Amino acid sequence: TPTPTPAVAAPLDARYATVSTRVFGYTGEVVVDNPGGTPATGWTVVVTLPRGSSAAEVTGADWRQDGQSVTFTGPAVAAGGTQAIRFDVRTADPVTKAPQGCTVDERPCAGL
């Protein structure tokens, strides 16, 4: 009998949106989409914040900040499902209201 070939996981997609703004900060959201037919585990979202910014009050993922990079990891995303990550950003610059970059598993997020 032939050995079944394991299903290849489809790459995840992600989109960024600024949910709200204030003078020295904003609330951002990244929604991770799994278009594949199998659950996605072990995913990583990296958001690059403006210089002098810090993240806080994160929901939907575990996180750590190293300089301008904030790395999010979280639970498995069901096949055809999504996982939302919300985070509060405090900025040093009252004009900047969005991250400088966003990737999911090293692929660019939509919306930036």
Protein backbone atom coordinates (compact mmCIF):
# COMPACT_ATOMS: atom_id res chain seq x y z
CA THR A 1 0.00 0.00 0.00
CA PRO A 2 1.29 3.47 -0.82
CA THR A 3 2.22 5.77 2.02
CA PRO A 4 -0.08 8.81 2.15
CA THR A 5 1.63 12.11 1.48
CA PRO A 6 1.16 14.54 4.37
CA ALA A 7 -0.83 17.65 3.54
CA VAL A 8 1.32 20.69 2.89
CA ALA A 9 0.17 23.62 4.96
CA ALA A 10 -0.82 26.72 3.00
CA PRO A 11 1.09 29.85 3.99
CA LEU A 12 -0.70 32.12 6.41
CA ASP A 13 -1.89 35.57 5.44
CA ALA A 14 -2.13 38.56 7.77
CA ARG A 15 -3.53 42.06 7.59
CA TYR A 16 -2.77 45.06 9.77
CA ALA A 17 -5.22 47.83 10.74
CA THR A 18 -5.00 50.80 13.11
CA VAL A 19 -8.09 50.45 15.31
CA SER A 20 -7.83 53.77 17.16
CA THR A 21 -5.43 56.66 17.63
CA ARG A 22 -4.58 59.19 20.33
CA VAL A 23 -1.96 61.93 20.66
CA PHE A 24 0.98 59.71 21.65
CA GLY A 25 -0.09 56.29 20.43
CA TYR A 26 -2.53 53.98 18.78
CA THR A 27 -4.15 50.56 19.02
CA GLY A 28 -3.19 48.18 16.25
CA GLU A 29 -4.63 44.86 15.16
CA VAL A 30 -3.17 42.06 13.08
CA VAL A 31 -5.55 39.35 11.88
CA VAL A 32 -3.84 36.09 10.90
CA ASP A 33 -5.79 34.07 8.28
CA ASN A 34 -5.31 30.37 7.65
CA PRO A 35 -6.61 29.64 4.14
CA GLY A 36 -5.36 26.05 4.30
CA GLY A 37 -7.11 22.81 5.08
CA THR A 38 -5.07 21.99 8.19
CA PRO A 39 -4.57 23.87 11.48
CA ALA A 40 -1.56 26.20 11.49
CA THR A 41 0.75 25.92 14.48
CA GLY A 42 4.04 27.60 15.24
CA TRP A 43 3.28 30.88 13.48
CA THR A 44 5.11 34.15 14.17
CA VAL A 45 4.04 37.72 13.50
CA VAL A 46 6.69 40.46 13.74
CA VAL A 47 5.62 44.10 13.89
CA THR A 48 8.29 46.80 13.55
CA LEU A 49 7.34 49.85 15.60
CA PRO A 50 8.54 53.42 15.07
CA ARG A 51 11.71 54.34 16.97
CA GLY A 52 11.03 55.10 20.65
CA SER A 53 7.71 53.19 20.70
CA SER A 54 6.63 50.45 23.07
CA ALA A 55 3.88 47.83 22.97
CA ALA A 56 1.57 46.94 25.85
CA GLU A 57 -1.84 45.43 26.60
CA VAL A 58 -1.58 42.65 24.01
CA THR A 59 -4.51 40.26 23.51
CA GLY A 60 -4.66 37.20 21.27
CA ALA A 61 -0.99 36.18 21.41
CA ASP A 62 2.10 35.84 23.53
CA TRP A 63 4.61 38.58 22.81
CA ARG A 64 8.03 40.05 23.47
CA GLN A 65 9.63 43.30 22.38
CA ASP A 66 13.27 43.67 21.39
CA GLY A 67 14.04 47.25 20.35
CA GLN A 68 11.61 48.22 17.61
CA SER A 69 10.55 44.61 16.86
CA VAL A 70 7.57 43.05 18.62
CA THR A 71 7.25 39.30 18.08
CA PHE A 72 3.85 37.64 18.56
CA THR A 73 3.20 33.88 18.76
CA GLY A 74 -0.09 32.27 19.58
CA PRO A 75 -2.45 29.35 19.52
CA ALA A 76 -3.07 27.17 16.49
CA VAL A 77 -5.20 28.82 13.82
CA ALA A 78 -7.92 26.42 12.68
CA ALA A 79 -8.20 25.46 9.01
CA GLY A 80 -10.06 28.30 7.33
CA GLY A 81 -9.94 30.28 10.58
CA THR A 82 -8.45 33.51 11.89
CA GLN A 83 -6.63 34.75 14.98
CA ALA A 84 -6.80 38.44 15.95
CA ILE A 85 -3.98 40.14 17.85
CA ARG A 86 -4.63 43.58 19.36
CA PHE A 87 -1.93 45.72 20.92
CA ASP A 88 -1.55 49.18 22.35
CA VAL A 89 1.43 51.28 21.21
CA ARG A 90 2.87 54.28 23.00
CA THR A 91 4.85 56.50 20.63
CA ALA A 92 7.40 59.25 21.17
CA ASP A 93 6.16 61.02 18.03
CA PRO A 94 2.57 62.34 17.99
CA VAL A 95 2.43 62.13 14.17
CA THR A 96 3.26 58.43 13.62
CA LYS A 97 0.16 56.24 13.92
CA ALA A 98 1.21 52.95 12.29
CA PRO A 99 4.03 50.40 12.47
CA GLN A 100 6.92 50.57 10.02
CA GLY A 101 6.47 46.92 9.05
CA CYS A 102 4.56 43.70 9.67
CA THR A 103 5.23 40.10 8.65
CA VAL A 104 3.66 36.70 9.30
CA ASP A 105 6.17 33.88 8.98
CA GLU A 106 8.42 36.35 7.10
CA ARG A 107 5.70 37.22 4.53
CA PRO A 108 4.43 40.84 4.43
CA CYS A 109 1.11 41.69 6.07
CA ALA A 110 -1.51 43.48 3.99
CA GLY A 111 -2.61 46.93 5.13
CA LEU A 112 0.75 48.66 5.51
